[in-house]
PDB file of all heavy atoms in Angstrom:
ATOM      1  N   VAL A   1       5.924 -13.400  -5.943  1.00  0.00           N
ATOM      2  CA  VAL A   1       4.792 -13.361  -5.026  1.00  0.00           C
ATOM      3  C   VAL A   1       4.628 -14.713  -4.342  1.00  0.00           C
ATOM      4  O   VAL A   1       4.394 -14.778  -3.150  1.00  0.00           O
ATOM      5  CB  VAL A   1       3.503 -12.940  -5.774  1.00  0.00           C
ATOM      6  CG1 VAL A   1       2.287 -13.064  -4.889  1.00  0.00           C
ATOM      7  CG2 VAL A   1       3.617 -11.530  -6.301  1.00  0.00           C
ATOM      8  N   GLY A   2       4.799 -15.791  -5.100  1.00  0.00           N
ATOM      9  CA  GLY A   2       4.685 -17.122  -4.514  1.00  0.00           C
ATOM     10  C   GLY A   2       5.778 -17.398  -3.503  1.00  0.00           C
ATOM     11  O   GLY A   2       5.525 -17.915  -2.416  1.00  0.00           O
ATOM     12  N   THR A   3       7.006 -17.059  -3.838  1.00  0.00           N
ATOM     13  CA  THR A   3       8.134 -17.283  -2.932  1.00  0.00           C
ATOM     14  C   THR A   3       7.971 -16.475  -1.654  1.00  0.00           C
ATOM     15  O   THR A   3       8.278 -16.947  -0.565  1.00  0.00           O
ATOM     16  CB  THR A   3       9.460 -16.907  -3.616  1.00  0.00           C
ATOM     17  OG1 THR A   3       9.616 -17.733  -4.773  1.00  0.00           O
ATOM     18  CG2 THR A   3      10.639 -17.118  -2.696  1.00  0.00           C
ATOM     19  N   ALA A   4       7.470 -15.255  -1.780  1.00  0.00           N
ATOM     20  CA  ALA A   4       7.291 -14.388  -0.611  1.00  0.00           C
ATOM     21  C   ALA A   4       6.101 -14.814   0.246  1.00  0.00           C
ATOM     22  O   ALA A   4       5.963 -14.364   1.374  1.00  0.00           O
ATOM     23  CB  ALA A   4       7.117 -12.935  -1.058  1.00  0.00           C
ATOM     24  N   GLY A   5       5.254 -15.690  -0.290  1.00  0.00           N
ATOM     25  CA  GLY A   5       4.115 -16.174   0.485  1.00  0.00           C
ATOM     26  C   GLY A   5       3.083 -15.109   0.783  1.00  0.00           C
ATOM     27  O   GLY A   5       2.525 -15.057   1.864  1.00  0.00           O
ATOM     28  N   LEU A   6       2.834 -14.234  -0.200  1.00  0.00           N
ATOM     29  CA  LEU A   6       1.849 -13.172   0.012  1.00  0.00           C
ATOM     30  C   LEU A   6       0.439 -13.740   0.037  1.00  0.00           C
ATOM     31  O   LEU A   6       0.115 -14.660  -0.705  1.00  0.00           O
ATOM     32  CB  LEU A   6       1.951 -12.123  -1.093  1.00  0.00           C
ATOM     33  CG  LEU A   6       3.306 -11.443  -1.274  1.00  0.00           C
ATOM     34  CD1 LEU A   6       3.180 -10.306  -2.288  1.00  0.00           C
ATOM     35  CD2 LEU A   6       3.870 -10.941   0.027  1.00  0.00           C
ATOM     36  N   SER A   7      -0.390 -13.164   0.897  1.00  0.00           N
ATOM     37  CA  SER A   7      -1.795 -13.559   1.014  1.00  0.00           C
ATOM     38  C   SER A   7      -2.679 -12.359   0.710  1.00  0.00           C
ATOM     39  O   SER A   7      -2.390 -11.252   1.165  1.00  0.00           O
ATOM     40  CB  SER A   7      -2.118 -14.023   2.434  1.00  0.00           C
ATOM     41  OG  SER A   7      -1.356 -15.148   2.776  1.00  0.00           O
ATOM     42  N   ILE A   8      -3.737 -12.589  -0.033  1.00  0.00           N
ATOM     43  CA  ILE A   8      -4.739 -11.543  -0.254  1.00  0.00           C
ATOM     44  C   ILE A   8      -5.775 -11.705   0.846  1.00  0.00           C
ATOM     45  O   ILE A   8      -6.463 -12.721   0.920  1.00  0.00           O
ATOM     46  CB  ILE A   8      -5.382 -11.666  -1.646  1.00  0.00           C
ATOM     47  CG1 ILE A   8      -4.308 -11.505  -2.721  1.00  0.00           C
ATOM     48  CG2 ILE A   8      -6.497 -10.625  -1.819  1.00  0.00           C
ATOM     49  CD1 ILE A   8      -4.787 -11.821  -4.123  1.00  0.00           C
ATOM     50  N   ASP A   9      -5.860 -10.703   1.704  1.00  0.00           N
ATOM     51  CA  ASP A   9      -6.734 -10.782   2.872  1.00  0.00           C
ATOM     52  C   ASP A   9      -8.084 -10.103   2.652  1.00  0.00           C
ATOM     53  O   ASP A   9      -9.060 -10.445   3.328  1.00  0.00           O
ATOM     54  CB  ASP A   9      -6.045 -10.149   4.082  1.00  0.00           C
ATOM     55  CG  ASP A   9      -4.728 -10.843   4.399  1.00  0.00           C
ATOM     56  OD1 ASP A   9      -4.620 -12.068   4.188  1.00  0.00           O
ATOM     57  OD2 ASP A   9      -3.790 -10.158   4.851  1.00  0.00           O
ATOM     58  N   GLU A  10      -8.120  -9.137   1.766  1.00  0.00           N
ATOM     59  CA  GLU A  10      -9.368  -8.407   1.476  1.00  0.00           C
ATOM     60  C   GLU A  10      -9.263  -7.871   0.058  1.00  0.00           C
ATOM     61  O   GLU A  10      -8.209  -7.392  -0.350  1.00  0.00           O
ATOM     62  CB  GLU A  10      -9.537  -7.249   2.456  1.00  0.00           C
ATOM     63  CG  GLU A  10     -10.791  -6.438   2.262  1.00  0.00           C
ATOM     64  CD  GLU A  10     -10.862  -5.249   3.212  1.00  0.00           C
ATOM     65  OE1 GLU A  10     -10.255  -5.285   4.302  1.00  0.00           O
ATOM     66  OE2 GLU A  10     -11.529  -4.267   2.834  1.00  0.00           O
ATOM     67  N   MET A  11     -10.383  -7.946  -0.692  1.00  0.00           N
ATOM     68  CA  MET A  11     -10.349  -7.462  -2.060  1.00  0.00           C
ATOM     69  C   MET A  11     -11.721  -6.925  -2.461  1.00  0.00           C
ATOM     70  O   MET A  11     -12.683  -7.675  -2.537  1.00  0.00           O
ATOM     71  CB  MET A  11      -9.936  -8.588  -3.013  1.00  0.00           C
ATOM     72  CG  MET A  11      -9.781  -8.143  -4.430  1.00  0.00           C
ATOM     73  SD  MET A  11      -9.002  -9.331  -5.585  1.00  0.00           S
ATOM     74  CE  MET A  11      -9.358 -10.927  -4.953  1.00  0.00           C
ATOM     75  N   THR A  12     -11.769  -5.607  -2.649  1.00  0.00           N
ATOM     76  CA  THR A  12     -12.946  -4.955  -3.219  1.00  0.00           C
ATOM     77  C   THR A  12     -12.421  -4.023  -4.308  1.00  0.00           C
ATOM     78  O   THR A  12     -11.217  -3.882  -4.481  1.00  0.00           O
ATOM     79  CB  THR A  12     -13.729  -4.138  -2.169  1.00  0.00           C
ATOM     80  OG1 THR A  12     -12.955  -2.994  -1.789  1.00  0.00           O
ATOM     81  CG2 THR A  12     -14.093  -4.974  -0.944  1.00  0.00           C
ATOM     82  N   HIS A  13     -13.308  -3.371  -5.016  1.00  0.00           N
ATOM     83  CA  HIS A  13     -12.873  -2.427  -6.054  1.00  0.00           C
ATOM     84  C   HIS A  13     -12.261  -1.157  -5.452  1.00  0.00           C
ATOM     85  O   HIS A  13     -11.561  -0.436  -6.147  1.00  0.00           O
ATOM     86  CB  HIS A  13     -14.035  -2.071  -6.985  1.00  0.00           C
ATOM     87  CG  HIS A  13     -14.389  -3.188  -7.893  1.00  0.00           C
ATOM     88  ND1 HIS A  13     -13.705  -3.466  -9.047  1.00  0.00           N
ATOM     89  CD2 HIS A  13     -15.348  -4.136  -7.804  1.00  0.00           C
ATOM     90  CE1 HIS A  13     -14.217  -4.520  -9.635  1.00  0.00           C
ATOM     91  NE2 HIS A  13     -15.220  -4.951  -8.901  1.00  0.00           N
ATOM     92  N   GLU A  14     -12.510  -0.899  -4.169  1.00  0.00           N
ATOM     93  CA  GLU A  14     -11.996   0.294  -3.514  1.00  0.00           C
ATOM     94  C   GLU A  14     -10.796   0.040  -2.611  1.00  0.00           C
ATOM     95  O   GLU A  14     -10.037   0.954  -2.307  1.00  0.00           O
ATOM     96  CB  GLU A  14     -13.091   0.949  -2.649  1.00  0.00           C
ATOM     97  CG  GLU A  14     -14.309   1.391  -3.401  1.00  0.00           C
ATOM     98  CD  GLU A  14     -15.321   0.262  -3.633  1.00  0.00           C
ATOM     99  OE1 GLU A  14     -15.285  -0.765  -2.912  1.00  0.00           O
ATOM    100  OE2 GLU A  14     -16.136   0.392  -4.557  1.00  0.00           O
ATOM    101  N   ARG A  15     -10.615  -1.212  -2.163  1.00  0.00           N
ATOM    102  CA  ARG A  15      -9.601  -1.502  -1.144  1.00  0.00           C
ATOM    103  C   ARG A  15      -9.079  -2.927  -1.319  1.00  0.00           C
ATOM    104  O   ARG A  15      -9.867  -3.852  -1.526  1.00  0.00           O
ATOM    105  CB  ARG A  15     -10.242  -1.331   0.221  1.00  0.00           C
ATOM    106  CG  ARG A  15      -9.376  -1.651   1.400  1.00  0.00           C
ATOM    107  CD  ARG A  15     -10.214  -1.445   2.672  1.00  0.00           C
ATOM    108  NE  ARG A  15      -9.725  -2.256   3.769  1.00  0.00           N
ATOM    109  CZ  ARG A  15      -8.965  -1.785   4.743  1.00  0.00           C
ATOM    110  NH1 ARG A  15      -8.613  -0.523   4.760  1.00  0.00           N
ATOM    111  NH2 ARG A  15      -8.568  -2.586   5.717  1.00  0.00           N
ATOM    112  N   LEU A  16      -7.746  -3.056  -1.208  1.00  0.00           N
ATOM    113  CA  LEU A  16      -7.140  -4.383  -1.314  1.00  0.00           C
ATOM    114  C   LEU A  16      -6.051  -4.509  -0.255  1.00  0.00           C
ATOM    115  O   LEU A  16      -5.250  -3.594  -0.082  1.00  0.00           O
ATOM    116  CB  LEU A  16      -6.540  -4.588  -2.709  1.00  0.00           C
ATOM    117  CG  LEU A  16      -6.318  -6.050  -3.065  1.00  0.00           C
ATOM    118  CD1 LEU A  16      -6.800  -6.329  -4.467  1.00  0.00           C
ATOM    119  CD2 LEU A  16      -4.877  -6.430  -2.910  1.00  0.00           C
ATOM    120  N   VAL A  17      -6.066  -5.630   0.470  1.00  0.00           N
ATOM    121  CA  VAL A  17      -5.107  -5.859   1.545  1.00  0.00           C
ATOM    122  C   VAL A  17      -4.298  -7.122   1.235  1.00  0.00           C
ATOM    123  O   VAL A  17      -4.873  -8.176   0.963  1.00  0.00           O
ATOM    124  CB  VAL A  17      -5.810  -6.021   2.915  1.00  0.00           C
ATOM    125  CG1 VAL A  17      -4.792  -6.247   4.027  1.00  0.00           C
ATOM    126  CG2 VAL A  17      -6.688  -4.817   3.212  1.00  0.00           C
ATOM    127  N   VAL A  18      -2.967  -6.983   1.268  1.00  0.00           N
ATOM    128  CA  VAL A  18      -2.049  -8.095   1.041  1.00  0.00           C
ATOM    129  C   VAL A  18      -1.122  -8.181   2.254  1.00  0.00           C
ATOM    130  O   VAL A  18      -0.696  -7.152   2.781  1.00  0.00           O
ATOM    131  CB  VAL A  18      -1.216  -7.866  -0.247  1.00  0.00           C
ATOM    132  CG1 VAL A  18      -0.214  -8.985  -0.450  1.00  0.00           C
ATOM    133  CG2 VAL A  18      -2.117  -7.740  -1.458  1.00  0.00           C
ATOM    134  N   SER A  19      -0.805  -9.412   2.683  1.00  0.00           N
ATOM    135  CA  SER A  19       0.068  -9.557   3.844  1.00  0.00           C
ATOM    136  C   SER A  19       1.078 -10.680   3.634  1.00  0.00           C
ATOM    137  O   SER A  19       0.939 -11.503   2.734  1.00  0.00           O
ATOM    138  CB  SER A  19      -0.761  -9.838   5.103  1.00  0.00           C
ATOM    139  OG  SER A  19      -1.416 -11.091   4.984  1.00  0.00           O
ATOM    140  N   THR A  20       2.084 -10.669   4.490  1.00  0.00           N
ATOM    141  CA  THR A  20       3.066 -11.753   4.537  1.00  0.00           C
ATOM    142  C   THR A  20       3.545 -11.915   5.969  1.00  0.00           C
ATOM    143  O   THR A  20       3.567 -10.961   6.740  1.00  0.00           O
ATOM    144  CB  THR A  20       4.262 -11.506   3.587  1.00  0.00           C
ATOM    145  OG1 THR A  20       5.029 -12.718   3.494  1.00  0.00           O
ATOM    146  CG2 THR A  20       5.146 -10.381   4.043  1.00  0.00           C
ATOM    147  N   ARG A  21       3.892 -13.138   6.298  1.00  0.00           N
ATOM    148  CA  ARG A  21       4.464 -13.422   7.613  1.00  0.00           C
ATOM    149  C   ARG A  21       5.977 -13.243   7.533  1.00  0.00           C
ATOM    150  O   ARG A  21       6.569 -13.376   6.470  1.00  0.00           O
ATOM    151  CB  ARG A  21       4.137 -14.854   8.042  1.00  0.00           C
ATOM    152  CG  ARG A  21       2.646 -15.097   8.236  1.00  0.00           C
ATOM    153  CD  ARG A  21       2.344 -16.553   8.599  1.00  0.00           C
ATOM    154  NE  ARG A  21       2.786 -17.438   7.516  1.00  0.00           N
ATOM    155  CZ  ARG A  21       3.511 -18.544   7.685  1.00  0.00           C
ATOM    156  NH1 ARG A  21       3.890 -18.929   8.888  1.00  0.00           N
ATOM    157  NH2 ARG A  21       3.866 -19.284   6.661  1.00  0.00           N
ATOM    158  N   ASN A  22       6.579 -12.962   8.668  1.00  0.00           N
ATOM    159  CA  ASN A  22       8.036 -12.867   8.732  1.00  0.00           C
ATOM    160  C   ASN A  22       8.582 -14.284   8.878  1.00  0.00           C
ATOM    161  O   ASN A  22       8.611 -14.842   9.958  1.00  0.00           O
ATOM    162  CB  ASN A  22       8.472 -11.991   9.908  1.00  0.00           C
ATOM    163  CG  ASN A  22       9.972 -11.796   9.951  1.00  0.00           C
ATOM    164  OD1 ASN A  22      10.703 -12.277   9.107  1.00  0.00           O
ATOM    165  ND2 ASN A  22      10.422 -11.078  10.953  1.00  0.00           N
ATOM    166  N   ARG A  23       8.993 -14.842   7.761  1.00  0.00           N
ATOM    167  CA  ARG A  23       9.566 -16.185   7.773  1.00  0.00           C
ATOM    168  C   ARG A  23      10.862 -16.178   6.991  1.00  0.00           C
ATOM    169  O   ARG A  23      11.160 -15.236   6.277  1.00  0.00           O
ATOM    170  CB  ARG A  23       8.577 -17.217   7.251  1.00  0.00           C
ATOM    171  CG  ARG A  23       7.993 -16.901   5.919  1.00  0.00           C
ATOM    172  CD  ARG A  23       6.770 -17.793   5.654  1.00  0.00           C
ATOM    173  NE  ARG A  23       6.225 -17.493   4.358  1.00  0.00           N
ATOM    174  CZ  ARG A  23       6.708 -17.925   3.209  1.00  0.00           C
ATOM    175  NH1 ARG A  23       7.745 -18.715   3.186  1.00  0.00           N
ATOM    176  NH2 ARG A  23       6.162 -17.582   2.072  1.00  0.00           N
ATOM    177  N   ARG A  24      11.632 -17.215   7.129  1.00  0.00           N
ATOM    178  CA  ARG A  24      12.994 -17.264   6.599  1.00  0.00           C
ATOM    179  C   ARG A  24      13.090 -16.849   5.133  1.00  0.00           C
ATOM    180  O   ARG A  24      14.007 -16.124   4.752  1.00  0.00           O
ATOM    181  CB  ARG A  24      13.569 -18.658   6.777  1.00  0.00           C
ATOM    182  CG  ARG A  24      14.995 -18.754   6.280  1.00  0.00           C
ATOM    183  CD  ARG A  24      15.654 -19.924   6.851  1.00  0.00           C
ATOM    184  NE  ARG A  24      15.848 -19.611   8.259  1.00  0.00           N
ATOM    185  CZ  ARG A  24      16.828 -20.067   8.988  1.00  0.00           C
ATOM    186  NH1 ARG A  24      17.687 -20.880   8.472  1.00  0.00           N
ATOM    187  NH2 ARG A  24      16.954 -19.729  10.244  1.00  0.00           N
ATOM    188  N   LYS A  25      12.163 -17.274   4.287  1.00  0.00           N
ATOM    189  CA  LYS A  25      12.243 -16.974   2.856  1.00  0.00           C
ATOM    190  C   LYS A  25      12.223 -15.482   2.537  1.00  0.00           C
ATOM    191  O   LYS A  25      12.683 -15.070   1.481  1.00  0.00           O
ATOM    192  CB  LYS A  25      11.104 -17.651   2.087  1.00  0.00           C
ATOM    193  CG  LYS A  25      11.292 -19.118   1.883  1.00  0.00           C
ATOM    194  CD  LYS A  25      10.186 -19.658   0.996  1.00  0.00           C
ATOM    195  CE  LYS A  25      10.447 -21.095   0.645  1.00  0.00           C
ATOM    196  NZ  LYS A  25       9.484 -21.602  -0.326  1.00  0.00           N
ATOM    197  N   VAL A  26      11.658 -14.672   3.416  1.00  0.00           N
ATOM    198  CA  VAL A  26      11.558 -13.228   3.138  1.00  0.00           C
ATOM    199  C   VAL A  26      12.409 -12.378   4.076  1.00  0.00           C
ATOM    200  O   VAL A  26      12.339 -11.157   4.021  1.00  0.00           O
ATOM    201  CB  VAL A  26      10.088 -12.728   3.179  1.00  0.00           C
ATOM    202  CG1 VAL A  26       9.265 -13.359   2.084  1.00  0.00           C
ATOM    203  CG2 VAL A  26       9.456 -12.957   4.547  1.00  0.00           C
ATOM    204  N   GLN A  27      13.230 -13.017   4.890  1.00  0.00           N
ATOM    205  CA  GLN A  27      14.008 -12.264   5.871  1.00  0.00           C
ATOM    206  C   GLN A  27      15.303 -11.688   5.301  1.00  0.00           C
ATOM    207  O   GLN A  27      15.903 -12.254   4.394  1.00  0.00           O
ATOM    208  CB  GLN A  27      14.364 -13.149   7.062  1.00  0.00           C
ATOM    209  CG  GLN A  27      13.204 -13.379   7.988  1.00  0.00           C
ATOM    210  CD  GLN A  27      13.585 -14.237   9.172  1.00  0.00           C
ATOM    211  OE1 GLN A  27      14.629 -14.874   9.206  1.00  0.00           O
ATOM    212  NE2 GLN A  27      12.713 -14.254  10.174  1.00  0.00           N
ATOM    213  N   ASN A  28      15.688 -10.569   5.891  1.00  0.00           N
ATOM    214  CA  ASN A  28      16.990  -9.965   5.592  1.00  0.00           C
ATOM    215  C   ASN A  28      18.017 -10.479   6.603  1.00  0.00           C
ATOM    216  O   ASN A  28      17.707 -11.345   7.434  1.00  0.00           O
ATOM    217  CB  ASN A  28      16.888  -8.436   5.600  1.00  0.00           C
ATOM    218  CG  ASN A  28      16.391  -7.888   6.921  1.00  0.00           C
ATOM    219  OD1 ASN A  28      16.474  -8.519   7.962  1.00  0.00           O
ATOM    220  ND2 ASN A  28      15.850  -6.681   6.888  1.00  0.00           N
ATOM    221  N   HIS A  29      19.200  -9.919   6.581  1.00  0.00           N
ATOM    222  CA  HIS A  29      20.289 -10.365   7.446  1.00  0.00           C
ATOM    223  C   HIS A  29      20.092 -10.030   8.925  1.00  0.00           C
ATOM    224  O   HIS A  29      20.815 -10.549   9.780  1.00  0.00           O
ATOM    225  CB  HIS A  29      21.620  -9.784   6.953  1.00  0.00           C
ATOM    226  CG  HIS A  29      21.687  -8.293   7.028  1.00  0.00           C
ATOM    227  ND1 HIS A  29      20.975  -7.476   6.165  1.00  0.00           N
ATOM    228  CD2 HIS A  29      22.352  -7.474   7.863  1.00  0.00           C
ATOM    229  CE1 HIS A  29      21.212  -6.219   6.485  1.00  0.00           C
ATOM    230  NE2 HIS A  29      22.047  -6.180   7.507  1.00  0.00           N
ATOM    231  N   ILE A  30      19.113  -9.185   9.254  1.00  0.00           N
ATOM    232  CA  ILE A  30      18.862  -8.859  10.666  1.00  0.00           C
ATOM    233  C   ILE A  30      17.539  -9.457  11.162  1.00  0.00           C
ATOM    234  O   ILE A  30      17.039  -9.088  12.214  1.00  0.00           O
ATOM    235  CB  ILE A  30      18.923  -7.333  10.918  1.00  0.00           C
ATOM    236  CG1 ILE A  30      17.924  -6.578  10.035  1.00  0.00           C
ATOM    237  CG2 ILE A  30      20.336  -6.808  10.729  1.00  0.00           C
ATOM    238  CD1 ILE A  30      17.826  -5.090  10.334  1.00  0.00           C
ATOM    239  N   GLY A  31      16.959 -10.369  10.368  1.00  0.00           N
ATOM    240  CA  GLY A  31      15.773 -11.092  10.815  1.00  0.00           C
ATOM    241  C   GLY A  31      14.443 -10.421  10.541  1.00  0.00           C
ATOM    242  O   GLY A  31      13.406 -10.942  10.928  1.00  0.00           O
ATOM    243  N   GLY A  32      14.461  -9.270   9.883  1.00  0.00           N
ATOM    244  CA  GLY A  32      13.212  -8.602   9.512  1.00  0.00           C
ATOM    245  C   GLY A  32      12.830  -8.960   8.088  1.00  0.00           C
ATOM    246  O   GLY A  32      13.544  -9.690   7.399  1.00  0.00           O
ATOM    247  N   ILE A  33      11.708  -8.454   7.652  1.00  0.00           N
ATOM    248  CA  ILE A  33      11.292  -8.684   6.269  1.00  0.00           C
ATOM    249  C   ILE A  33      12.194  -7.865   5.355  1.00  0.00           C
ATOM    250  O   ILE A  33      12.442  -6.685   5.599  1.00  0.00           O
ATOM    251  CB  ILE A  33       9.801  -8.362   6.081  1.00  0.00           C
ATOM    252  CG1 ILE A  33       8.975  -9.389   6.872  1.00  0.00           C
ATOM    253  CG2 ILE A  33       9.419  -8.372   4.608  1.00  0.00           C
ATOM    254  CD1 ILE A  33       7.488  -9.225   6.780  1.00  0.00           C
ATOM    255  N   HIS A  34      12.695  -8.509   4.321  1.00  0.00           N
ATOM    256  CA  HIS A  34      13.638  -7.903   3.384  1.00  0.00           C
ATOM    257  C   HIS A  34      13.012  -6.690   2.694  1.00  0.00           C
ATOM    258  O   HIS A  34      11.807  -6.647   2.437  1.00  0.00           O
ATOM    259  CB  HIS A  34      14.050  -8.945   2.345  1.00  0.00           C
ATOM    260  CG  HIS A  34      15.222  -8.539   1.528  1.00  0.00           C
ATOM    261  ND1 HIS A  34      15.120  -7.695   0.460  1.00  0.00           N
ATOM    262  CD2 HIS A  34      16.525  -8.867   1.638  1.00  0.00           C
ATOM    263  CE1 HIS A  34      16.316  -7.517  -0.062  1.00  0.00           C
ATOM    264  NE2 HIS A  34      17.192  -8.223   0.636  1.00  0.00           N
ATOM    265  N   ALA A  35      13.848  -5.712   2.375  1.00  0.00           N
ATOM    266  CA  ALA A  35      13.392  -4.484   1.716  1.00  0.00           C
ATOM    267  C   ALA A  35      12.628  -4.778   0.423  1.00  0.00           C
ATOM    268  O   ALA A  35      11.596  -4.163   0.155  1.00  0.00           O
ATOM    269  CB  ALA A  35      14.590  -3.577   1.427  1.00  0.00           C
ATOM    270  N   ALA A  36      13.118  -5.714  -0.371  1.00  0.00           N
ATOM    271  CA  ALA A  36      12.452  -6.045  -1.633  1.00  0.00           C
ATOM    272  C   ALA A  36      11.083  -6.669  -1.384  1.00  0.00           C
ATOM    273  O   ALA A  36      10.135  -6.425  -2.127  1.00  0.00           O
ATOM    274  CB  ALA A  36      13.328  -6.973  -2.470  1.00  0.00           C
ATOM    275  N   ALA A  37      10.954  -7.461  -0.325  1.00  0.00           N
ATOM    276  CA  ALA A  37       9.664  -8.066   0.009  1.00  0.00           C
ATOM    277  C   ALA A  37       8.664  -7.006   0.476  1.00  0.00           C
ATOM    278  O   ALA A  37       7.467  -7.093   0.180  1.00  0.00           O
ATOM    279  CB  ALA A  37       9.835  -9.147   1.065  1.00  0.00           C
ATOM    280  N   MET A  38       9.149  -5.991   1.194  1.00  0.00           N
ATOM    281  CA  MET A  38       8.269  -4.894   1.610  1.00  0.00           C
ATOM    282  C   MET A  38       7.747  -4.139   0.388  1.00  0.00           C
ATOM    283  O   MET A  38       6.565  -3.822   0.302  1.00  0.00           O
ATOM    284  CB  MET A  38       9.008  -3.929   2.535  1.00  0.00           C
ATOM    285  CG  MET A  38       9.272  -4.473   3.909  1.00  0.00           C
ATOM    286  SD  MET A  38       9.906  -3.165   4.985  1.00  0.00           S
ATOM    287  CE  MET A  38      11.635  -3.584   5.022  1.00  0.00           C
ATOM    288  N   ALA A  39       8.644  -3.845  -0.551  1.00  0.00           N
ATOM    289  CA  ALA A  39       8.236  -3.158  -1.778  1.00  0.00           C
ATOM    290  C   ALA A  39       7.273  -4.029  -2.577  1.00  0.00           C
ATOM    291  O   ALA A  39       6.302  -3.526  -3.159  1.00  0.00           O
ATOM    292  CB  ALA A  39       9.456  -2.797  -2.612  1.00  0.00           C
ATOM    293  N   LEU A  40       7.516  -5.332  -2.586  1.00  0.00           N
ATOM    294  CA  LEU A  40       6.630  -6.262  -3.290  1.00  0.00           C
ATOM    295  C   LEU A  40       5.221  -6.223  -2.714  1.00  0.00           C
ATOM    296  O   LEU A  40       4.235  -6.280  -3.460  1.00  0.00           O
ATOM    297  CB  LEU A  40       7.197  -7.679  -3.219  1.00  0.00           C
ATOM    298  CG  LEU A  40       6.369  -8.768  -3.882  1.00  0.00           C
ATOM    299  CD1 LEU A  40       6.306  -8.559  -5.398  1.00  0.00           C
ATOM    300  CD2 LEU A  40       6.936 -10.144  -3.551  1.00  0.00           C
ATOM    301  N   LEU A  41       5.096  -6.124  -1.405  1.00  0.00           N
ATOM    302  CA  LEU A  41       3.775  -6.014  -0.771  1.00  0.00           C
ATOM    303  C   LEU A  41       3.006  -4.812  -1.325  1.00  0.00           C
ATOM    304  O   LEU A  41       1.847  -4.933  -1.723  1.00  0.00           O
ATOM    305  CB  LEU A  41       3.924  -5.839   0.743  1.00  0.00           C
ATOM    306  CG  LEU A  41       3.937  -7.051   1.625  1.00  0.00           C
ATOM    307  CD1 LEU A  41       4.287  -6.653   3.047  1.00  0.00           C
ATOM    308  CD2 LEU A  41       2.624  -7.785   1.582  1.00  0.00           C
ATOM    309  N   ALA A  42       3.665  -3.656  -1.335  1.00  0.00           N
ATOM    310  CA  ALA A  42       3.011  -2.436  -1.807  1.00  0.00           C
ATOM    311  C   ALA A  42       2.687  -2.516  -3.296  1.00  0.00           C
ATOM    312  O   ALA A  42       1.595  -2.136  -3.728  1.00  0.00           O
ATOM    313  CB  ALA A  42       3.894  -1.218  -1.525  1.00  0.00           C
ATOM    314  N   GLU A  43       3.626  -3.031  -4.087  1.00  0.00           N
ATOM    315  CA  GLU A  43       3.418  -3.135  -5.535  1.00  0.00           C
ATOM    316  C   GLU A  43       2.289  -4.109  -5.851  1.00  0.00           C
ATOM    317  O   GLU A  43       1.451  -3.854  -6.709  1.00  0.00           O
ATOM    318  CB  GLU A  43       4.727  -3.582  -6.208  1.00  0.00           C
ATOM    319  CG  GLU A  43       4.692  -3.553  -7.718  1.00  0.00           C
ATOM    320  CD  GLU A  43       4.301  -4.885  -8.317  1.00  0.00           C
ATOM    321  OE1 GLU A  43       4.296  -5.903  -7.607  1.00  0.00           O
ATOM    322  OE2 GLU A  43       3.986  -4.905  -9.520  1.00  0.00           O
ATOM    323  N   THR A  44       2.226  -5.212  -5.134  1.00  0.00           N
ATOM    324  CA  THR A  44       1.185  -6.212  -5.365  1.00  0.00           C
ATOM    325  C   THR A  44      -0.190  -5.665  -4.993  1.00  0.00           C
ATOM    326  O   THR A  44      -1.151  -5.814  -5.758  1.00  0.00           O
ATOM    327  CB  THR A  44       1.493  -7.501  -4.575  1.00  0.00           C
ATOM    328  OG1 THR A  44       2.755  -8.012  -5.013  1.00  0.00           O
ATOM    329  CG2 THR A  44       0.421  -8.551  -4.789  1.00  0.00           C
ATOM    330  N   ALA A  45      -0.296  -5.044  -3.836  1.00  0.00           N
ATOM    331  CA  ALA A  45      -1.592  -4.508  -3.400  1.00  0.00           C
ATOM    332  C   ALA A  45      -2.107  -3.450  -4.369  1.00  0.00           C
ATOM    333  O   ALA A  45      -3.269  -3.471  -4.772  1.00  0.00           O
ATOM    334  CB  ALA A  45      -1.479  -3.935  -1.987  1.00  0.00           C
ATOM    335  N   THR A  46      -1.239  -2.518  -4.756  1.00  0.00           N
ATOM    336  CA  THR A  46      -1.680  -1.440  -5.644  1.00  0.00           C
ATOM    337  C   THR A  46      -1.957  -1.962  -7.052  1.00  0.00           C
ATOM    338  O   THR A  46      -2.927  -1.565  -7.691  1.00  0.00           O
ATOM    339  CB  THR A  46      -0.641  -0.300  -5.690  1.00  0.00           C
ATOM    340  OG1 THR A  46       0.627  -0.810  -6.105  1.00  0.00           O
ATOM    341  CG2 THR A  46      -0.516   0.382  -4.342  1.00  0.00           C
ATOM    342  N   GLY A  47      -1.112  -2.860  -7.536  1.00  0.00           N
ATOM    343  CA  GLY A  47      -1.295  -3.398  -8.879  1.00  0.00           C
ATOM    344  C   GLY A  47      -2.549  -4.228  -9.023  1.00  0.00           C
ATOM    345  O   GLY A  47      -3.272  -4.111 -10.025  1.00  0.00           O
TER     346      GLY A  47
END
């Protein structure tokens, strides 16, 4: 989570928002956010 630079943008008992910027540490070979980083976003928010 630290390496991916995730940010908690909103947190209530009903809703949680996590985000990341597209930067080199999380990019894949085509310049987008890596598949594992996308899954990490969803896993972090839900968890």
